[in-house]
């Protein structure tokens, strides 16, 4: 049976479809950031960045909070759990086991040559 469409999952994938928004999420992996700091590396207006941030917030991927006169953005990684579960449901995308990968490399290349 095919599961019904999920508006929340659709919003996450739509937000992740844009490379600017993916870059913003990567930036927020480091720490919370003010909107002006998020906008700094991009060659686009603050209004355009604000639209990207609104889409990310609507998808639940970030939260925004006003601290004084500054609006801050925070990554909300739990919002990706539905997308991760959906992708892993195909069975070909198991979580990466780096220890097993290292053992494989050592078996193939010899101890000490894998890393």
Protein backbone atom coordinates (compact mmCIF):
# COMPACT_ATOMS: atom_id res chain seq x y z
CA UNK A 1 0.00 0.00 0.00
CA UNK A 2 1.30 3.44 -0.91
CA UNK A 3 1.44 5.93 1.93
CA UNK A 4 -0.55 9.14 1.44
CA UNK A 5 1.41 12.30 0.63
CA UNK A 6 2.86 14.09 3.62
CA UNK A 7 2.77 17.90 3.41
CA UNK A 8 5.54 18.12 6.04
CA UNK A 9 7.80 15.77 4.08
CA UNK A 10 7.01 17.61 0.84
CA UNK A 11 7.97 20.92 2.50
CA UNK A 12 11.31 19.49 3.69
CA UNK A 13 12.22 18.14 0.26
CA UNK A 14 11.11 21.37 -1.44
CA UNK A 15 13.28 23.38 0.96
CA UNK A 16 16.25 21.07 0.39
CA UNK A 17 15.89 21.30 -3.40
CA UNK A 18 17.52 24.72 -3.52
CA UNK A 19 21.35 24.94 -3.29
CA UNK A 20 21.24 28.28 -1.46
CA UNK A 21 19.04 26.80 1.25
CA UNK A 22 21.29 23.74 1.55
CA UNK A 23 24.27 26.07 1.96
CA UNK A 24 22.44 28.00 4.67
CA UNK A 25 21.70 24.76 6.54
CA UNK A 26 25.37 23.79 6.31
CA UNK A 27 26.35 27.18 7.72
CA UNK A 28 23.94 26.71 10.63
CA UNK A 29 25.56 23.36 11.48
CA UNK A 30 28.35 25.38 13.09
CA UNK A 31 26.23 27.62 15.31
CA UNK A 32 23.19 29.89 15.46
CA UNK A 33 23.61 32.92 13.22
CA UNK A 34 22.08 36.35 12.82
CA UNK A 35 20.20 36.82 9.55
CA UNK A 36 22.73 39.44 8.43
CA UNK A 37 25.58 36.96 9.01
CA UNK A 38 23.71 34.30 7.02
CA UNK A 39 23.29 36.76 4.15
CA UNK A 40 26.92 37.94 4.11
CA UNK A 41 28.52 35.30 1.82
CA UNK A 42 25.73 35.43 -0.78
CA UNK A 43 25.54 37.77 -3.76
CA UNK A 44 21.84 38.47 -3.22
CA UNK A 45 19.73 40.94 -1.30
CA UNK A 46 18.80 40.57 2.35
CA UNK A 47 15.18 40.28 1.20
CA UNK A 48 16.06 37.28 -1.00
CA UNK A 49 17.89 35.59 1.89
CA UNK A 50 14.91 36.30 4.13
CA UNK A 51 12.66 34.48 1.65
CA UNK A 52 14.98 31.47 1.71
CA UNK A 53 14.97 31.56 5.52
CA UNK A 54 11.17 31.72 5.56
CA UNK A 55 10.95 28.59 3.40
CA UNK A 56 13.40 26.78 5.70
CA UNK A 57 11.39 27.90 8.74
CA UNK A 58 8.06 26.83 7.18
CA UNK A 59 9.57 23.37 6.61
CA UNK A 60 10.68 23.29 10.26
CA UNK A 61 14.35 23.01 9.28
CA UNK A 62 15.26 26.20 11.15
CA UNK A 63 13.74 28.32 13.86
CA UNK A 64 14.06 32.07 14.11
CA UNK A 65 14.15 34.13 17.27
CA UNK A 66 14.36 37.85 17.83
CA UNK A 67 17.05 38.80 20.38
CA UNK A 68 16.90 42.53 20.86
CA UNK A 69 16.98 44.06 17.40
CA UNK A 70 18.64 41.03 15.79
CA UNK A 71 16.85 38.02 14.30
CA UNK A 72 18.74 34.76 14.89
CA UNK A 73 18.47 31.49 13.00
CA UNK A 74 18.94 28.06 14.54
CA UNK A 75 19.15 24.70 12.79
CA UNK A 76 16.39 22.23 13.74
CA UNK A 77 17.85 18.88 12.61
CA UNK A 78 14.93 16.83 13.96
CA UNK A 79 12.85 18.17 11.05
CA UNK A 80 14.90 15.98 8.69
CA UNK A 81 14.01 12.75 10.50
CA UNK A 82 10.97 12.14 8.27
CA UNK A 83 13.06 12.60 5.12
CA UNK A 84 15.80 10.35 6.47
CA UNK A 85 13.27 7.65 7.36
CA UNK A 86 11.68 7.93 3.92
CA UNK A 87 15.05 7.58 2.16
CA UNK A 88 16.15 4.68 4.37
CA UNK A 89 12.86 2.88 3.69
CA UNK A 90 14.24 1.98 0.29
CA UNK A 91 16.72 -0.30 2.06
CA UNK A 92 19.72 0.71 0.01
CA UNK A 93 20.66 3.60 2.23
CA UNK A 94 21.64 2.12 5.55
CA UNK A 95 23.42 4.34 8.07
CA UNK A 96 27.13 4.50 7.33
CA UNK A 97 29.22 2.32 9.64
CA UNK A 98 32.63 3.98 9.58
CA UNK A 99 34.20 1.32 11.81
CA UNK A 100 33.18 -1.40 9.35
CA UNK A 101 34.50 0.70 6.47
CA UNK A 102 37.83 1.13 8.25
CA UNK A 103 38.04 -2.65 8.87
CA UNK A 104 37.32 -3.25 5.19
CA UNK A 105 40.08 -0.84 4.14
CA UNK A 106 42.55 -2.44 6.53
CA UNK A 107 41.68 -5.87 5.15
CA UNK A 108 42.16 -4.66 1.58
CA UNK A 109 45.16 -2.35 2.04
CA UNK A 110 46.80 -3.68 5.16
CA UNK A 111 47.04 -2.21 8.68
CA UNK A 112 48.12 1.41 8.89
CA UNK A 113 47.53 2.13 5.21
CA UNK A 114 43.80 2.77 5.53
CA UNK A 115 44.02 6.12 7.22
